[in-house]
Protein backbone atom coordinates (compact mmCIF):
# COMPACT_ATOMS: atom_id res chain seq x y z
CA UNK A 1 0.00 0.00 0.00
CA UNK A 2 1.91 3.03 -1.24
CA UNK A 3 -0.57 5.69 -0.11
CA UNK A 4 -0.99 6.61 3.52
CA UNK A 5 -3.26 9.14 5.16
CA UNK A 6 -1.76 12.00 7.16
CA UNK A 7 -2.91 10.65 10.53
CA UNK A 8 -1.11 7.35 9.86
CA UNK A 9 2.31 8.78 9.00
CA UNK A 10 4.85 7.40 11.44
CA UNK A 11 2.53 4.63 12.64
CA UNK A 12 4.02 1.21 12.03
CA UNK A 13 1.63 -1.45 10.66
CA UNK A 14 2.40 -3.59 13.73
CA UNK A 15 1.01 -0.78 15.94
CA UNK A 16 -2.27 -0.54 14.05
CA UNK A 17 -5.34 -2.41 15.28
CA UNK A 18 -5.98 -5.57 13.24
CA UNK A 19 -9.63 -6.34 12.55
CA UNK A 20 -11.31 -9.27 10.82
CA UNK A 21 -14.82 -8.44 9.66
CA UNK A 22 -17.22 -11.31 8.92
CA UNK A 23 -20.56 -10.51 7.31
CA UNK A 24 -22.68 -11.64 4.38
CA UNK A 25 -24.08 -8.13 3.88
CA UNK A 26 -21.85 -6.74 1.11
CA UNK A 27 -22.88 -3.16 1.72
CA UNK A 28 -22.04 -3.42 5.42
CA UNK A 29 -18.66 -5.02 4.63
CA UNK A 30 -17.83 -2.43 1.97
CA UNK A 31 -18.82 0.61 4.07
CA UNK A 32 -17.35 -0.65 7.34
CA UNK A 33 -14.08 -1.82 5.77
CA UNK A 34 -13.65 1.49 3.97
CA UNK A 35 -14.36 3.64 7.03
CA UNK A 36 -12.25 1.55 9.43
CA UNK A 37 -9.42 1.50 6.90
CA UNK A 38 -9.52 5.30 6.62
CA UNK A 39 -9.35 5.48 10.40
CA UNK A 40 -6.12 3.45 10.35
CA UNK A 41 -7.29 -0.06 11.17
CA UNK A 42 -5.87 -3.02 9.25
CA UNK A 43 -8.95 -4.76 7.85
CA UNK A 44 -9.48 -8.26 6.49
CA UNK A 45 -13.02 -9.16 5.52
CA UNK A 46 -14.63 -12.54 4.93
CA UNK A 47 -18.02 -13.39 3.47
CA UNK A 48 -19.41 -15.14 6.51
CA UNK A 49 -18.69 -17.07 9.69
CA UNK A 50 -17.72 -20.24 7.81
CA UNK A 51 -14.53 -18.50 6.61
CA UNK A 52 -13.88 -16.56 9.80
CA UNK A 53 -11.73 -19.02 11.76
CA UNK A 54 -9.22 -19.49 8.96
CA UNK A 55 -8.99 -15.69 8.56
CA UNK A 56 -8.50 -15.26 12.31
CA UNK A 57 -5.79 -17.92 12.26
CA UNK A 58 -4.00 -16.24 9.31
CA UNK A 59 -4.26 -12.61 10.44
CA UNK A 60 -4.24 -12.87 14.26
CA UNK A 61 -6.59 -9.88 14.70
CA UNK A 62 -7.01 -7.84 17.84
CA UNK A 63 -10.76 -7.65 17.23
CA UNK A 64 -13.30 -9.67 15.25
CA UNK A 65 -16.46 -7.93 14.08
CA UNK A 66 -19.09 -10.59 13.46
CA UNK A 67 -22.47 -9.91 11.89
CA UNK A 68 -24.87 -11.92 14.03
CA UNK A 69 -27.96 -11.06 12.00
CA UNK A 70 -28.29 -14.36 10.10
CA UNK A 71 -28.30 -17.01 12.79
CA UNK A 72 -27.97 -16.82 16.56
CA UNK A 73 -26.90 -20.47 16.64
CA UNK A 74 -24.14 -19.98 14.06
CA UNK A 75 -23.03 -16.80 15.83
CA UNK A 76 -22.83 -18.59 19.18
CA UNK A 77 -20.82 -21.46 17.67
CA UNK A 78 -18.44 -19.03 16.00
CA UNK A 79 -17.97 -17.09 19.24
CA UNK A 80 -17.23 -20.32 21.12
CA UNK A 81 -14.63 -21.34 18.53
CA UNK A 82 -12.91 -17.95 18.74
CA UNK A 83 -12.92 -18.05 22.53
CA UNK A 84 -11.21 -21.46 22.41
CA UNK A 85 -8.19 -20.05 20.57
CA UNK A 86 -4.87 -20.01 22.39
CA UNK A 87 -4.50 -16.23 22.00
CA UNK A 88 -6.88 -13.43 23.01
CA UNK A 89 -9.23 -12.04 20.37
CA UNK A 90 -11.92 -9.54 21.29
CA UNK A 91 -15.31 -10.11 19.68
CA UNK A 92 -17.77 -7.43 18.63
CA UNK A 93 -21.11 -8.73 17.38
CA UNK A 94 -23.25 -6.46 15.27
CA UNK A 95 -26.91 -7.17 14.54
CA UNK A 96 -29.93 -5.39 13.15
CA UNK A 97 -31.73 -5.74 16.49
CA UNK A 98 -29.23 -6.81 19.16
CA UNK A 99 -30.61 -8.63 22.17
CA UNK A 100 -30.14 -7.13 25.63
CA UNK A 101 -28.22 -10.14 27.00
CA UNK A 102 -24.98 -11.45 25.57
CA UNK A 103 -22.18 -13.79 26.56
CA UNK A 104 -19.83 -12.28 29.12
CA UNK A 105 -16.93 -11.92 26.69
CA UNK A 106 -18.92 -10.45 23.79
CA UNK A 107 -19.88 -6.88 23.03
CA UNK A 108 -23.03 -6.18 20.97
CA UNK A 109 -23.75 -3.15 18.83
CA UNK A 110 -26.52 -2.25 16.45
CA UNK A 111 -25.24 -3.06 12.95
CA UNK A 112 -25.66 0.48 11.64
CA UNK A 113 -24.55 2.28 14.78
CA UNK A 114 -22.81 5.63 14.18
CA UNK A 115 -19.38 4.92 12.74
CA UNK A 116 -17.44 6.83 15.41
CA UNK A 117 -19.08 4.69 18.09
CA UNK A 118 -18.11 1.51 16.22
CA UNK A 119 -14.50 2.70 15.82
CA UNK A 120 -14.31 3.71 19.51
CA UNK A 121 -15.63 0.30 20.53
CA UNK A 122 -13.04 -1.50 18.38
CA UNK A 123 -10.28 0.61 19.93
CA UNK A 124 -11.56 -0.10 23.46
CA UNK A 125 -11.84 -3.83 22.82
CA UNK A 126 -8.33 -3.90 21.37
CA UNK A 127 -6.97 -2.11 24.43
CA UNK A 128 -8.79 -4.58 26.72
CA UNK A 129 -7.33 -7.51 24.78
CA UNK A 130 -3.82 -6.05 24.89
CA UNK A 131 -4.10 -5.77 28.64
CA UNK A 132 -5.79 -9.19 28.83
CA UNK A 133 -8.55 -7.62 30.90
CA UNK A 134 -12.04 -9.03 30.82
CA UNK A 135 -14.09 -7.47 28.05
CA UNK A 136 -17.09 -5.52 29.29
CA UNK A 137 -20.50 -6.99 28.60
CA UNK A 138 -23.54 -5.16 27.32
CA UNK A 139 -25.32 -3.53 24.47
CA UNK A 140 -24.20 -0.12 23.28
C-alpha atoms as a PDB file:
ATOM      1  CA  UNK A   1       0.000   0.000   0.000  1.00  0.00           C
ATOM      2  CA  UNK A   2       1.910   3.027  -1.242  1.00  0.00           C
ATOM      3  CA  UNK A   3      -0.572   5.692  -0.106  1.00  0.00           C
ATOM      4  CA  UNK A   4      -0.994   6.610   3.518  1.00  0.00           C
ATOM      5  CA  UNK A   5      -3.259   9.143   5.158  1.00  0.00           C
ATOM      6  CA  UNK A   6      -1.759  11.996   7.160  1.00  0.00           C
ATOM      7  CA  UNK A   7      -2.915  10.652  10.525  1.00  0.00           C
ATOM      8  CA  UNK A   8      -1.105   7.350   9.859  1.00  0.00           C
ATOM      9  CA  UNK A   9       2.313   8.781   8.999  1.00  0.00           C
ATOM     10  CA  UNK A  10       4.847   7.397  11.443  1.00  0.00           C
ATOM     11  CA  UNK A  11       2.527   4.632  12.636  1.00  0.00           C
ATOM     12  CA  UNK A  12       4.016   1.212  12.028  1.00  0.00           C
ATOM     13  CA  UNK A  13       1.631  -1.451  10.664  1.00  0.00           C
ATOM     14  CA  UNK A  14       2.398  -3.590  13.727  1.00  0.00           C
ATOM     15  CA  UNK A  15       1.012  -0.780  15.936  1.00  0.00           C
ATOM     16  CA  UNK A  16      -2.274  -0.539  14.046  1.00  0.00           C
ATOM     17  CA  UNK A  17      -5.336  -2.415  15.275  1.00  0.00           C
ATOM     18  CA  UNK A  18      -5.975  -5.566  13.240  1.00  0.00           C
ATOM     19  CA  UNK A  19      -9.634  -6.340  12.547  1.00  0.00           C
ATOM     20  CA  UNK A  20     -11.308  -9.265  10.820  1.00  0.00           C
ATOM     21  CA  UNK A  21     -14.817  -8.437   9.657  1.00  0.00           C
ATOM     22  CA  UNK A  22     -17.225 -11.307   8.921  1.00  0.00           C
ATOM     23  CA  UNK A  23     -20.563 -10.515   7.310  1.00  0.00           C
ATOM     24  CA  UNK A  24     -22.680 -11.635   4.380  1.00  0.00           C
ATOM     25  CA  UNK A  25     -24.080  -8.131   3.882  1.00  0.00           C
ATOM     26  CA  UNK A  26     -21.850  -6.744   1.110  1.00  0.00           C
ATOM     27  CA  UNK A  27     -22.881  -3.155   1.721  1.00  0.00           C
ATOM     28  CA  UNK A  28     -22.040  -3.416   5.422  1.00  0.00           C
ATOM     29  CA  UNK A  29     -18.662  -5.016   4.628  1.00  0.00           C
ATOM     30  CA  UNK A  30     -17.831  -2.435   1.968  1.00  0.00           C
ATOM     31  CA  UNK A  31     -18.820   0.607   4.069  1.00  0.00           C
ATOM     32  CA  UNK A  32     -17.353  -0.647   7.344  1.00  0.00           C
ATOM     33  CA  UNK A  33     -14.084  -1.820   5.773  1.00  0.00           C
ATOM     34  CA  UNK A  34     -13.653   1.488   3.970  1.00  0.00           C
ATOM     35  CA  UNK A  35     -14.361   3.639   7.032  1.00  0.00           C
ATOM     36  CA  UNK A  36     -12.255   1.555   9.434  1.00  0.00           C
ATOM     37  CA  UNK A  37      -9.416   1.504   6.904  1.00  0.00           C
ATOM     38  CA  UNK A  38      -9.520   5.296   6.617  1.00  0.00           C
ATOM     39  CA  UNK A  39      -9.349   5.479  10.402  1.00  0.00           C
ATOM     40  CA  UNK A  40      -6.121   3.449  10.347  1.00  0.00           C
ATOM     41  CA  UNK A  41      -7.288  -0.056  11.169  1.00  0.00           C
ATOM     42  CA  UNK A  42      -5.867  -3.020   9.250  1.00  0.00           C
ATOM     43  CA  UNK A  43      -8.951  -4.764   7.855  1.00  0.00           C
ATOM     44  CA  UNK A  44      -9.484  -8.256   6.493  1.00  0.00           C
ATOM     45  CA  UNK A  45     -13.019  -9.164   5.517  1.00  0.00           C
ATOM     46  CA  UNK A  46     -14.626 -12.543   4.927  1.00  0.00           C
ATOM     47  CA  UNK A  47     -18.019 -13.390   3.471  1.00  0.00           C
ATOM     48  CA  UNK A  48     -19.413 -15.144   6.513  1.00  0.00           C
ATOM     49  CA  UNK A  49     -18.695 -17.068   9.687  1.00  0.00           C
ATOM     50  CA  UNK A  50     -17.721 -20.245   7.806  1.00  0.00           C
ATOM     51  CA  UNK A  51     -14.530 -18.496   6.614  1.00  0.00           C
ATOM     52  CA  UNK A  52     -13.879 -16.564   9.803  1.00  0.00           C
ATOM     53  CA  UNK A  53     -11.728 -19.016  11.762  1.00  0.00           C
ATOM     54  CA  UNK A  54      -9.221 -19.486   8.962  1.00  0.00           C
ATOM     55  CA  UNK A  55      -8.991 -15.685   8.556  1.00  0.00           C
ATOM     56  CA  UNK A  56      -8.500 -15.263  12.309  1.00  0.00           C
ATOM     57  CA  UNK A  57      -5.786 -17.920  12.257  1.00  0.00           C
ATOM     58  CA  UNK A  58      -3.996 -16.237   9.312  1.00  0.00           C
ATOM     59  CA  UNK A  59      -4.262 -12.608  10.442  1.00  0.00           C
ATOM     60  CA  UNK A  60      -4.242 -12.871  14.256  1.00  0.00           C
ATOM     61  CA  UNK A  61      -6.589  -9.884  14.702  1.00  0.00           C
ATOM     62  CA  UNK A  62      -7.013  -7.842  17.837  1.00  0.00           C
ATOM     63  CA  UNK A  63     -10.764  -7.647  17.230  1.00  0.00           C
ATOM     64  CA  UNK A  64     -13.300  -9.672  15.249  1.00  0.00           C
ATOM     65  CA  UNK A  65     -16.458  -7.933  14.076  1.00  0.00           C
ATOM     66  CA  UNK A  66     -19.091 -10.591  13.460  1.00  0.00           C
ATOM     67  CA  UNK A  67     -22.468  -9.908  11.892  1.00  0.00           C
ATOM     68  CA  UNK A  68     -24.866 -11.921  14.028  1.00  0.00           C
ATOM     69  CA  UNK A  69     -27.957 -11.064  12.000  1.00  0.00           C
ATOM     70  CA  UNK A  70     -28.290 -14.365  10.099  1.00  0.00           C
ATOM     71  CA  UNK A  71     -28.302 -17.011  12.793  1.00  0.00           C
ATOM     72  CA  UNK A  72     -27.966 -16.825  16.559  1.00  0.00           C
ATOM     73  CA  UNK A  73     -26.900 -20.468  16.641  1.00  0.00           C
ATOM     74  CA  UNK A  74     -24.143 -19.978  14.061  1.00  0.00           C
ATOM     75  CA  UNK A  75     -23.027 -16.803  15.826  1.00  0.00           C
ATOM     76  CA  UNK A  76     -22.830 -18.592  19.183  1.00  0.00           C
ATOM     77  CA  UNK A  77     -20.825 -21.464  17.671  1.00  0.00           C
ATOM     78  CA  UNK A  78     -18.438 -19.032  16.001  1.00  0.00           C
ATOM     79  CA  UNK A  79     -17.974 -17.087  19.236  1.00  0.00           C
ATOM     80  CA  UNK A  80     -17.231 -20.319  21.123  1.00  0.00           C
ATOM     81  CA  UNK A  81     -14.628 -21.344  18.534  1.00  0.00           C
ATOM     82  CA  UNK A  82     -12.906 -17.951  18.741  1.00  0.00           C
ATOM     83  CA  UNK A  83     -12.916 -18.047  22.528  1.00  0.00           C
ATOM     84  CA  UNK A  84     -11.206 -21.460  22.412  1.00  0.00           C
ATOM     85  CA  UNK A  85      -8.185 -20.047  20.568  1.00  0.00           C
ATOM     86  CA  UNK A  86      -4.869 -20.005  22.393  1.00  0.00           C
ATOM     87  CA  UNK A  87      -4.501 -16.226  21.998  1.00  0.00           C
ATOM     88  CA  UNK A  88      -6.876 -13.432  23.012  1.00  0.00           C
ATOM     89  CA  UNK A  89      -9.227 -12.035  20.372  1.00  0.00           C
ATOM     90  CA  UNK A  90     -11.921  -9.537  21.292  1.00  0.00           C
ATOM     91  CA  UNK A  91     -15.308 -10.111  19.676  1.00  0.00           C
ATOM     92  CA  UNK A  92     -17.767  -7.432  18.632  1.00  0.00           C
ATOM     93  CA  UNK A  93     -21.105  -8.734  17.379  1.00  0.00           C
ATOM     94  CA  UNK A  94     -23.254  -6.460  15.269  1.00  0.00           C
ATOM     95  CA  UNK A  95     -26.906  -7.169  14.541  1.00  0.00           C
ATOM     96  CA  UNK A  96     -29.930  -5.393  13.149  1.00  0.00           C
ATOM     97  CA  UNK A  97     -31.729  -5.736  16.487  1.00  0.00           C
ATOM     98  CA  UNK A  98     -29.229  -6.811  19.162  1.00  0.00           C
ATOM     99  CA  UNK A  99     -30.612  -8.629  22.168  1.00  0.00           C
ATOM    100  CA  UNK A 100     -30.136  -7.135  25.629  1.00  0.00           C
ATOM    101  CA  UNK A 101     -28.218 -10.135  26.999  1.00  0.00           C
ATOM    102  CA  UNK A 102     -24.982 -11.446  25.571  1.00  0.00           C
ATOM    103  CA  UNK A 103     -22.180 -13.790  26.556  1.00  0.00           C
ATOM    104  CA  UNK A 104     -19.834 -12.282  29.119  1.00  0.00           C
ATOM    105  CA  UNK A 105     -16.934 -11.922  26.686  1.00  0.00           C
ATOM    106  CA  UNK A 106     -18.919 -10.452  23.795  1.00  0.00           C
ATOM    107  CA  UNK A 107     -19.877  -6.882  23.026  1.00  0.00           C
ATOM    108  CA  UNK A 108     -23.026  -6.184  20.974  1.00  0.00           C
ATOM    109  CA  UNK A 109     -23.747  -3.154  18.829  1.00  0.00           C
ATOM    110  CA  UNK A 110     -26.523  -2.250  16.448  1.00  0.00           C
ATOM    111  CA  UNK A 111     -25.245  -3.060  12.954  1.00  0.00           C
ATOM    112  CA  UNK A 112     -25.665   0.476  11.636  1.00  0.00           C
ATOM    113  CA  UNK A 113     -24.554   2.283  14.783  1.00  0.00           C
ATOM    114  CA  UNK A 114     -22.811   5.628  14.178  1.00  0.00           C
ATOM    115  CA  UNK A 115     -19.376   4.916  12.743  1.00  0.00           C
ATOM    116  CA  UNK A 116     -17.440   6.826  15.411  1.00  0.00           C
ATOM    117  CA  UNK A 117     -19.080   4.690  18.092  1.00  0.00           C
ATOM    118  CA  UNK A 118     -18.105   1.513  16.220  1.00  0.00           C
ATOM    119  CA  UNK A 119     -14.497   2.698  15.825  1.00  0.00           C
ATOM    120  CA  UNK A 120     -14.312   3.711  19.511  1.00  0.00           C
ATOM    121  CA  UNK A 121     -15.633   0.299  20.531  1.00  0.00           C
ATOM    122  CA  UNK A 122     -13.044  -1.501  18.376  1.00  0.00           C
ATOM    123  CA  UNK A 123     -10.279   0.610  19.933  1.00  0.00           C
ATOM    124  CA  UNK A 124     -11.555  -0.097  23.459  1.00  0.00           C
ATOM    125  CA  UNK A 125     -11.840  -3.828  22.825  1.00  0.00           C
ATOM    126  CA  UNK A 126      -8.335  -3.896  21.366  1.00  0.00           C
ATOM    127  CA  UNK A 127      -6.968  -2.112  24.433  1.00  0.00           C
ATOM    128  CA  UNK A 128      -8.787  -4.576  26.722  1.00  0.00           C
ATOM    129  CA  UNK A 129      -7.333  -7.512  24.779  1.00  0.00           C
ATOM    130  CA  UNK A 130      -3.816  -6.050  24.890  1.00  0.00           C
ATOM    131  CA  UNK A 131      -4.098  -5.768  28.644  1.00  0.00           C
ATOM    132  CA  UNK A 132      -5.792  -9.189  28.826  1.00  0.00           C
ATOM    133  CA  UNK A 133      -8.546  -7.616  30.905  1.00  0.00           C
ATOM    134  CA  UNK A 134     -12.039  -9.028  30.818  1.00  0.00           C
ATOM    135  CA  UNK A 135     -14.087  -7.469  28.052  1.00  0.00           C
ATOM    136  CA  UNK A 136     -17.095  -5.525  29.293  1.00  0.00           C
ATOM    137  CA  UNK A 137     -20.503  -6.994  28.599  1.00  0.00           C
ATOM    138  CA  UNK A 138     -23.541  -5.163  27.325  1.00  0.00           C
ATOM    139  CA  UNK A 139     -25.322  -3.529  24.472  1.00  0.00           C
ATOM    140  CA  UNK A 140     -24.204  -0.122  23.282  1.00  0.00           C
END
